[in-house]
């Protein structure tokens, strides 16, 4: 192969390999962040008079 063909191939392949590598690490990072949420059910905002031991002080009916 002549040097010009190798240079053109390198100009095409090196950015493509870099892009694939970057995408691989980005997906791995997002997957790791999503795995940290496993078992997380969401935030529970339980404050105020309805959280007392008895529900007598609640301002609205508590179902169940």
N, C-alpha and C. Protein backbone atom coordinates (compact mmCIF):
# COMPACT_ATOMS: atom_id res chain seq x y z
N UNK A 1 0.83 -1.18 0.00
CA UNK A 1 0.00 0.00 0.00
C UNK A 1 0.88 1.25 0.00
N UNK A 2 0.43 2.22 -0.68
CA UNK A 2 1.21 3.46 -0.69
C UNK A 2 0.86 4.30 0.53
N UNK A 3 1.71 5.23 0.88
CA UNK A 3 1.50 6.03 2.10
C UNK A 3 0.23 6.87 2.06
N UNK A 4 -0.19 7.29 0.88
CA UNK A 4 -1.39 8.11 0.78
C UNK A 4 -2.63 7.31 1.17
N UNK A 5 -2.72 6.07 0.73
CA UNK A 5 -3.86 5.23 1.07
C UNK A 5 -3.89 4.94 2.57
N UNK A 6 -2.75 4.70 3.16
CA UNK A 6 -2.69 4.45 4.61
C UNK A 6 -3.11 5.70 5.37
N UNK A 7 -2.67 6.86 4.90
CA UNK A 7 -3.03 8.11 5.57
C UNK A 7 -4.54 8.36 5.49
N UNK A 8 -5.13 8.14 4.35
CA UNK A 8 -6.57 8.34 4.19
C UNK A 8 -7.35 7.34 5.04
N UNK A 9 -6.90 6.08 5.08
CA UNK A 9 -7.55 5.08 5.92
C UNK A 9 -7.46 5.46 7.40
N UNK A 10 -6.30 5.98 7.80
CA UNK A 10 -6.14 6.40 9.19
C UNK A 10 -7.04 7.58 9.51
N UNK A 11 -7.20 8.51 8.57
CA UNK A 11 -8.08 9.65 8.79
C UNK A 11 -9.53 9.24 8.98
N UNK A 12 -9.92 8.14 8.37
CA UNK A 12 -11.30 7.66 8.50
C UNK A 12 -11.45 6.76 9.72
N UNK A 13 -10.51 5.85 9.93
CA UNK A 13 -10.65 4.85 10.99
C UNK A 13 -10.41 5.39 12.40
N UNK A 14 -9.44 6.27 12.56
CA UNK A 14 -9.13 6.75 13.91
C UNK A 14 -10.29 7.51 14.55
N UNK A 15 -10.93 8.45 13.86
CA UNK A 15 -12.09 9.09 14.50
C UNK A 15 -13.25 8.12 14.73
N UNK A 16 -13.43 7.16 13.83
CA UNK A 16 -14.51 6.19 14.01
C UNK A 16 -14.26 5.33 15.25
N UNK A 17 -13.03 4.89 15.43
CA UNK A 17 -12.69 4.10 16.62
C UNK A 17 -12.84 4.94 17.88
N UNK A 18 -12.44 6.21 17.83
CA UNK A 18 -12.60 7.10 18.97
C UNK A 18 -14.06 7.31 19.33
N UNK A 19 -14.91 7.49 18.32
CA UNK A 19 -16.33 7.68 18.56
C UNK A 19 -16.97 6.44 19.17
N UNK A 20 -16.62 5.28 18.67
CA UNK A 20 -17.16 4.03 19.22
C UNK A 20 -16.69 3.84 20.66
N UNK A 21 -15.43 4.15 20.93
CA UNK A 21 -14.91 4.02 22.30
C UNK A 21 -15.62 4.98 23.24
N UNK A 22 -15.82 6.22 22.80
CA UNK A 22 -16.51 7.20 23.63
C UNK A 22 -17.94 6.74 23.91
N UNK A 23 -18.63 6.25 22.90
CA UNK A 23 -20.01 5.79 23.08
C UNK A 23 -20.05 4.60 24.05
N UNK A 24 -19.09 3.71 23.94
CA UNK A 24 -19.02 2.54 24.83
C UNK A 24 -18.92 3.01 26.29
N UNK A 25 -18.00 3.93 26.57
CA UNK A 25 -17.83 4.39 27.94
C UNK A 25 -19.03 5.21 28.41
N UNK A 26 -19.66 5.97 27.54
CA UNK A 26 -20.84 6.74 27.93
C UNK A 26 -21.99 5.82 28.31
N UNK A 27 -22.21 4.77 27.53
CA UNK A 27 -23.27 3.81 27.84
C UNK A 27 -22.96 3.08 29.14
N UNK A 28 -21.70 2.72 29.35
CA UNK A 28 -21.32 2.04 30.59
C UNK A 28 -21.55 2.94 31.81
N UNK A 29 -21.26 4.23 31.66
CA UNK A 29 -21.48 5.16 32.77
C UNK A 29 -22.96 5.31 33.07
N UNK A 30 -23.79 5.46 32.05
CA UNK A 30 -25.23 5.59 32.27
C UNK A 30 -25.79 4.32 32.88
N UNK A 31 -25.32 3.16 32.42
CA UNK A 31 -25.78 1.91 32.99
C UNK A 31 -25.43 1.81 34.48
N UNK A 32 -24.22 2.25 34.82
CA UNK A 32 -23.83 2.24 36.23
C UNK A 32 -24.67 3.16 37.08
N UNK A 33 -25.01 4.33 36.52
CA UNK A 33 -25.86 5.25 37.26
C UNK A 33 -27.27 4.70 37.43
N UNK A 34 -27.79 4.03 36.42
CA UNK A 34 -29.12 3.46 36.52
C UNK A 34 -29.15 2.28 37.48
N UNK A 35 -28.07 1.52 37.55
CA UNK A 35 -28.02 0.40 38.49
C UNK A 35 -28.03 0.88 39.94
N UNK A 36 -27.54 2.10 40.17
CA UNK A 36 -27.53 2.61 41.54
C UNK A 36 -28.94 2.91 42.02
N UNK A 37 -29.91 3.01 41.11
CA UNK A 37 -31.30 3.25 41.49
C UNK A 37 -32.08 1.96 41.73
N UNK A 38 -31.46 0.80 41.57
CA UNK A 38 -32.21 -0.44 41.75
C UNK A 38 -32.66 -0.55 43.21
N UNK A 39 -33.91 -0.85 43.40
CA UNK A 39 -34.47 -0.94 44.74
C UNK A 39 -35.00 0.38 45.27
N UNK A 40 -34.76 1.46 44.54
CA UNK A 40 -35.24 2.77 44.98
C UNK A 40 -36.69 2.93 44.56
N UNK A 41 -37.56 3.17 45.52
CA UNK A 41 -38.99 3.25 45.25
C UNK A 41 -39.48 4.68 45.09
N UNK A 42 -38.63 5.63 45.26
CA UNK A 42 -39.05 7.02 45.16
C UNK A 42 -39.05 7.68 46.52
N UNK A 43 -39.15 8.97 46.50
CA UNK A 43 -39.13 9.72 47.75
C UNK A 43 -40.52 9.72 48.37
N UNK A 44 -40.55 9.63 49.67
CA UNK A 44 -41.80 9.65 50.40
C UNK A 44 -41.83 10.94 51.22
N UNK A 45 -42.73 11.81 50.87
CA UNK A 45 -42.85 13.07 51.59
C UNK A 45 -43.90 12.89 52.68
N UNK A 46 -43.43 12.51 53.83
CA UNK A 46 -44.33 12.27 54.95
C UNK A 46 -43.97 13.24 56.06
N UNK A 47 -44.64 14.37 56.06
CA UNK A 47 -44.41 15.35 57.11
C UNK A 47 -45.73 16.01 57.44
N UNK A 48 -45.79 16.55 58.60
CA UNK A 48 -47.00 17.23 59.01
C UNK A 48 -47.78 16.42 60.01
N UNK A 49 -49.01 16.87 60.31
CA UNK A 49 -49.79 16.23 61.38
C UNK A 49 -50.27 14.83 61.04
N UNK A 50 -50.32 14.45 59.78
CA UNK A 50 -50.83 13.12 59.43
C UNK A 50 -49.80 12.03 59.67
N UNK A 51 -48.57 12.38 60.05
CA UNK A 51 -47.56 11.38 60.32
C UNK A 51 -47.50 10.99 61.79
N UNK A 52 -48.36 11.54 62.59
CA UNK A 52 -48.37 11.23 64.02
C UNK A 52 -48.77 9.77 64.22
N UNK A 53 -48.57 9.29 65.44
CA UNK A 53 -48.90 7.90 65.74
C UNK A 53 -50.37 7.63 65.48
N UNK A 54 -51.22 8.54 65.84
CA UNK A 54 -52.64 8.42 65.54
C UNK A 54 -52.98 9.38 64.41
N UNK A 55 -53.92 9.03 63.61
CA UNK A 55 -54.27 9.87 62.48
C UNK A 55 -55.37 10.87 62.82
N UNK A 56 -55.59 11.10 64.10
CA UNK A 56 -56.67 12.01 64.49
C UNK A 56 -56.37 13.44 64.07
N UNK A 57 -55.10 13.81 64.01
CA UNK A 57 -54.76 15.18 63.68
C UNK A 57 -54.67 15.44 62.19
N UNK A 58 -54.95 14.45 61.39
CA UNK A 58 -54.83 14.64 59.95
C UNK A 58 -55.93 15.54 59.42
N UNK A 59 -55.62 16.31 58.40
CA UNK A 59 -56.59 17.23 57.83
C UNK A 59 -57.43 16.56 56.76
N UNK A 60 -57.05 15.41 56.28
CA UNK A 60 -57.82 14.68 55.27
C UNK A 60 -57.88 13.21 55.64
N UNK A 61 -58.83 12.48 55.15
CA UNK A 61 -58.93 11.07 55.52
C UNK A 61 -57.78 10.26 54.95
N UNK A 62 -57.25 9.37 55.74
CA UNK A 62 -56.16 8.50 55.32
C UNK A 62 -56.77 7.18 54.86
N UNK A 63 -56.61 6.80 53.59
CA UNK A 63 -57.20 5.55 53.14
C UNK A 63 -56.53 4.33 53.77
N UNK A 64 -57.29 3.29 53.95
CA UNK A 64 -56.74 2.04 54.45
C UNK A 64 -56.85 1.98 55.91
